[in-house]
Every structure is written in structure tokens, then in C-alpha cells.
């Protein structure tokens, strides 16, 4: 599976149904209506990172410069979105 973001393409692991369910359950814990439970959110992003196979060395942009922490979170959110098959609005 590939994720395109920041003008670059990342290759990530495909995951099985059971792993998708774990991630889904993590998202339910992280998002309570309009409230984001930060500890649960970061735990979810760590689960996504582990499932994806992405490592610290992978977090570089198309210009070979490191991503900042907010960009890493955005990338992991995109990975989660693709794992869940969620379409973006707009």
C-alpha cells in the first residue's frame, strides 16, 4: 500500500482485518464526539506507526529533510484514514 503526502510516496504495510479492528477500537477511545482524548490519540498514532512499518528513518520529505512532529502526525493520520477506507470530505 502507498500513501502520498508532502509531495512524496511512502510504502506502508497492508494490514489484516484483525489489525484494522484494533485500530478502529483505538479511534473510538481517542475521539469522544467533538472531544479528542490526547493520550488515547497518541496511543492510536503509535499503533498506526507500528502497523505501517514506518520508522524514524522514514520521516523525511521529498527534499530529504526530516519531517517535524506535526507532519509525522499528519502522515500517520493519513495512513489511518487509508487503513480504515475513510473518504475525505470536500
N, C-alpha and C. Protein backbone atom coordinates (compact mmCIF):
# COMPACT_ATOMS: atom_id res chain seq x y z
N UNK A 1 0.85 -1.16 0.00
CA UNK A 1 0.00 0.00 0.00
C UNK A 1 0.91 1.24 0.00
N UNK A 2 0.44 2.28 -0.68
CA UNK A 2 1.22 3.51 -0.75
C UNK A 2 0.38 4.69 -0.28
N UNK A 3 1.05 5.61 0.40
CA UNK A 3 0.42 6.84 0.87
C UNK A 3 1.20 7.99 0.26
N UNK A 4 0.48 8.90 -0.37
CA UNK A 4 1.11 10.09 -0.95
C UNK A 4 0.80 11.30 -0.08
N UNK A 5 1.88 12.00 0.30
CA UNK A 5 1.72 13.18 1.13
C UNK A 5 3.00 13.98 1.08
N UNK A 6 2.88 15.28 1.19
CA UNK A 6 4.05 16.18 1.17
C UNK A 6 4.90 15.99 -0.08
N UNK A 7 4.25 15.68 -1.20
CA UNK A 7 4.97 15.51 -2.46
C UNK A 7 5.82 14.26 -2.54
N UNK A 8 5.54 13.30 -1.67
CA UNK A 8 6.33 12.07 -1.61
C UNK A 8 5.39 10.88 -1.46
N UNK A 9 5.87 9.72 -1.80
CA UNK A 9 5.09 8.50 -1.65
C UNK A 9 5.79 7.58 -0.65
N UNK A 10 5.03 7.15 0.36
CA UNK A 10 5.53 6.23 1.36
C UNK A 10 4.93 4.86 1.13
N UNK A 11 5.74 3.83 1.21
CA UNK A 11 5.24 2.46 1.13
C UNK A 11 4.97 1.99 2.56
N UNK A 12 3.75 1.55 2.80
CA UNK A 12 3.38 1.07 4.13
C UNK A 12 2.84 -0.36 4.01
N UNK A 13 2.89 -1.05 5.13
CA UNK A 13 2.41 -2.43 5.17
C UNK A 13 0.89 -2.46 5.02
N UNK A 14 0.41 -3.46 4.30
CA UNK A 14 -1.02 -3.77 4.32
C UNK A 14 -1.31 -4.45 5.64
N UNK A 15 -2.49 -4.24 6.17
CA UNK A 15 -2.84 -4.90 7.42
C UNK A 15 -4.09 -5.75 7.24
N UNK A 16 -4.23 -6.73 8.09
CA UNK A 16 -5.36 -7.65 8.06
C UNK A 16 -6.54 -7.07 8.83
N UNK A 17 -7.67 -7.71 8.65
CA UNK A 17 -8.92 -7.30 9.30
C UNK A 17 -8.75 -7.12 10.81
N UNK A 18 -8.13 -8.06 11.47
CA UNK A 18 -8.00 -8.02 12.93
C UNK A 18 -7.23 -6.78 13.37
N UNK A 19 -6.17 -6.43 12.64
CA UNK A 19 -5.40 -5.23 12.97
C UNK A 19 -6.23 -3.97 12.72
N UNK A 20 -7.02 -3.97 11.66
CA UNK A 20 -7.91 -2.84 11.39
C UNK A 20 -8.89 -2.66 12.55
N UNK A 21 -9.40 -3.76 13.06
CA UNK A 21 -10.35 -3.68 14.19
C UNK A 21 -9.66 -3.07 15.42
N UNK A 22 -8.42 -3.46 15.68
CA UNK A 22 -7.69 -2.88 16.81
C UNK A 22 -7.55 -1.37 16.65
N UNK A 23 -7.19 -0.95 15.44
CA UNK A 23 -7.04 0.49 15.19
C UNK A 23 -8.38 1.20 15.33
N UNK A 24 -9.42 0.58 14.83
CA UNK A 24 -10.75 1.18 14.95
C UNK A 24 -11.14 1.36 16.41
N UNK A 25 -10.90 0.34 17.21
CA UNK A 25 -11.22 0.44 18.64
C UNK A 25 -10.41 1.55 19.29
N UNK A 26 -9.16 1.70 18.89
CA UNK A 26 -8.33 2.79 19.41
C UNK A 26 -8.89 4.15 19.05
N UNK A 27 -9.46 4.26 17.84
CA UNK A 27 -10.03 5.54 17.43
C UNK A 27 -11.29 5.86 18.23
N UNK A 28 -12.06 4.85 18.57
CA UNK A 28 -13.26 5.06 19.39
C UNK A 28 -12.88 5.60 20.76
N UNK A 29 -11.77 5.07 21.31
CA UNK A 29 -11.30 5.56 22.61
C UNK A 29 -10.75 6.98 22.51
N UNK A 30 -10.13 7.33 21.38
CA UNK A 30 -9.47 8.63 21.22
C UNK A 30 -10.44 9.77 20.95
N UNK A 31 -11.55 9.48 20.27
CA UNK A 31 -12.47 10.53 19.88
C UNK A 31 -13.83 10.30 20.52
N UNK A 32 -14.19 11.21 21.42
CA UNK A 32 -15.46 11.13 22.13
C UNK A 32 -16.31 12.31 21.65
N UNK A 33 -17.05 12.10 20.58
CA UNK A 33 -17.80 13.20 19.98
C UNK A 33 -16.82 14.22 19.41
N UNK A 34 -16.92 15.45 19.87
CA UNK A 34 -16.01 16.51 19.43
C UNK A 34 -14.75 16.61 20.29
N UNK A 35 -14.66 15.78 21.31
CA UNK A 35 -13.54 15.84 22.24
C UNK A 35 -12.48 14.82 21.84
N UNK A 36 -11.24 15.29 21.75
CA UNK A 36 -10.11 14.40 21.47
C UNK A 36 -9.39 14.12 22.79
N UNK A 37 -9.31 12.87 23.14
CA UNK A 37 -8.56 12.45 24.33
C UNK A 37 -7.11 12.27 23.89
N UNK A 38 -6.27 13.25 24.23
CA UNK A 38 -4.90 13.28 23.69
C UNK A 38 -4.09 12.03 23.96
N UNK A 39 -4.14 11.51 25.18
CA UNK A 39 -3.36 10.30 25.48
C UNK A 39 -3.78 9.14 24.59
N UNK A 40 -5.10 8.99 24.40
CA UNK A 40 -5.61 7.91 23.55
C UNK A 40 -5.27 8.16 22.08
N UNK A 41 -5.31 9.43 21.68
CA UNK A 41 -4.97 9.78 20.30
C UNK A 41 -3.51 9.41 20.00
N UNK A 42 -2.62 9.79 20.89
CA UNK A 42 -1.20 9.49 20.65
C UNK A 42 -0.94 7.98 20.71
N UNK A 43 -1.67 7.28 21.56
CA UNK A 43 -1.55 5.81 21.58
C UNK A 43 -2.01 5.23 20.24
N UNK A 44 -3.08 5.79 19.67
CA UNK A 44 -3.57 5.35 18.37
C UNK A 44 -2.51 5.61 17.30
N UNK A 45 -1.91 6.80 17.30
CA UNK A 45 -0.89 7.12 16.29
C UNK A 45 0.31 6.18 16.42
N UNK A 46 0.66 5.81 17.64
CA UNK A 46 1.75 4.85 17.84
C UNK A 46 1.37 3.47 17.29
N UNK A 47 0.10 3.07 17.47
CA UNK A 47 -0.37 1.81 16.90
C UNK A 47 -0.32 1.84 15.38
N UNK A 48 -0.73 2.98 14.80
CA UNK A 48 -0.71 3.13 13.35
C UNK A 48 0.74 3.05 12.85
N UNK A 49 1.63 3.73 13.55
CA UNK A 49 3.04 3.71 13.16
C UNK A 49 3.59 2.29 13.18
N UNK A 50 3.29 1.56 14.23
CA UNK A 50 3.76 0.18 14.35
C UNK A 50 3.18 -0.69 13.24
N UNK A 51 1.89 -0.56 12.99
CA UNK A 51 1.23 -1.37 11.97
C UNK A 51 1.76 -1.05 10.57
N UNK A 52 2.08 0.21 10.33
CA UNK A 52 2.50 0.65 9.00
C UNK A 52 3.91 0.21 8.62
N UNK A 53 4.73 -0.05 9.66
CA UNK A 53 6.12 -0.38 9.39
C UNK A 53 7.01 0.84 9.24
N UNK A 54 6.43 2.03 9.38
CA UNK A 54 7.24 3.25 9.28
C UNK A 54 8.14 3.37 10.50
N UNK A 55 9.35 3.85 10.27
CA UNK A 55 10.35 4.05 11.33
C UNK A 55 10.85 5.48 11.26
N UNK A 56 11.57 5.89 12.29
CA UNK A 56 12.11 7.24 12.36
C UNK A 56 12.88 7.62 11.09
N UNK A 57 13.64 6.70 10.56
CA UNK A 57 14.46 6.96 9.37
C UNK A 57 13.61 7.27 8.13
N UNK A 58 12.34 6.88 8.15
CA UNK A 58 11.45 7.09 7.01
C UNK A 58 10.86 8.49 6.96
N UNK A 59 10.93 9.22 8.05
CA UNK A 59 10.25 10.51 8.14
C UNK A 59 11.09 11.64 7.57
N UNK A 60 11.28 11.57 6.26
CA UNK A 60 11.98 12.62 5.53
C UNK A 60 11.11 13.03 4.35
N UNK A 61 11.19 14.30 4.00
CA UNK A 61 10.35 14.79 2.90
C UNK A 61 11.03 14.58 1.56
N UNK A 62 10.39 15.07 0.52
CA UNK A 62 10.91 14.87 -0.84
C UNK A 62 12.27 15.54 -1.04
N UNK A 63 12.60 16.54 -0.19
CA UNK A 63 13.88 17.22 -0.28
C UNK A 63 14.92 16.59 0.65
N UNK A 64 14.59 15.43 1.18
CA UNK A 64 15.47 14.67 2.07
C UNK A 64 15.72 15.38 3.41
N UNK A 65 14.73 16.17 3.85
CA UNK A 65 14.80 16.86 5.14
C UNK A 65 13.81 16.20 6.08
N UNK A 66 14.14 16.16 7.37
CA UNK A 66 13.24 15.50 8.32
C UNK A 66 11.89 16.19 8.44
N UNK A 67 10.85 15.38 8.61
CA UNK A 67 9.53 15.93 8.91
C UNK A 67 9.52 16.40 10.35
N UNK A 68 8.72 17.44 10.62
CA UNK A 68 8.57 17.84 12.02
C UNK A 68 7.47 16.97 12.65
N UNK A 69 7.30 17.09 13.94
CA UNK A 69 6.36 16.21 14.66
C UNK A 69 4.93 16.35 14.15
N UNK A 70 4.50 17.57 13.84
CA UNK A 70 3.13 17.74 13.36
C UNK A 70 2.95 17.09 11.99
N UNK A 71 3.98 17.13 11.14
CA UNK A 71 3.91 16.48 9.83
C UNK A 71 3.87 14.96 9.98
N UNK A 72 4.61 14.45 10.95
CA UNK A 72 4.58 12.99 11.21
C UNK A 72 3.17 12.59 11.63
N UNK A 73 2.55 13.37 12.52
CA UNK A 73 1.18 13.06 12.94
C UNK A 73 0.22 13.13 11.76
N UNK A 74 0.38 14.12 10.89
CA UNK A 74 -0.49 14.22 9.72
C UNK A 74 -0.31 13.01 8.80
N UNK A 75 0.92 12.58 8.62
CA UNK A 75 1.18 11.40 7.81
C UNK A 75 0.53 10.17 8.43
N UNK A 76 0.70 9.99 9.73
CA UNK A 76 0.10 8.83 10.40
C UNK A 76 -1.42 8.88 10.37
N UNK A 77 -2.00 10.09 10.44
CA UNK A 77 -3.45 10.22 10.31
C UNK A 77 -3.90 9.79 8.92
N UNK A 78 -3.12 10.14 7.91
CA UNK A 78 -3.46 9.74 6.54
C UNK A 78 -3.36 8.22 6.38
N UNK A 79 -2.35 7.63 6.99
CA UNK A 79 -2.22 6.17 6.96
C UNK A 79 -3.46 5.55 7.61
N UNK A 80 -3.85 6.06 8.78
CA UNK A 80 -5.04 5.55 9.47
C UNK A 80 -6.27 5.68 8.57
N UNK A 81 -6.44 6.84 7.95
CA UNK A 81 -7.58 7.08 7.07
C UNK A 81 -7.63 6.06 5.94
N UNK A 82 -6.49 5.78 5.36
CA UNK A 82 -6.46 4.80 4.28
C UNK A 82 -6.69 3.38 4.79
N UNK A 83 -6.14 3.05 5.94
CA UNK A 83 -6.41 1.73 6.52
C UNK A 83 -7.90 1.52 6.76
N UNK A 84 -8.59 2.56 7.23
CA UNK A 84 -10.00 2.45 7.56
C UNK A 84 -10.90 2.60 6.33
N UNK A 85 -10.32 3.05 5.20
CA UNK A 85 -11.12 3.25 4.00
C UNK A 85 -12.03 4.47 4.11
N UNK A 86 -11.61 5.44 4.88
CA UNK A 86 -12.42 6.64 5.11
C UNK A 86 -12.11 7.64 3.99
N UNK A 87 -13.16 8.12 3.35
CA UNK A 87 -13.02 9.12 2.29
C UNK A 87 -12.94 10.51 2.90
N UNK A 88 -12.09 11.34 2.34
CA UNK A 88 -12.01 12.72 2.78
C UNK A 88 -13.19 13.51 2.25
N UNK A 89 -13.71 14.42 3.05
CA UNK A 89 -14.80 15.29 2.63
C UNK A 89 -14.22 16.52 1.95
N UNK A 90 -14.97 17.05 0.98
CA UNK A 90 -14.55 18.29 0.37
C UNK A 90 -13.86 18.09 -0.84
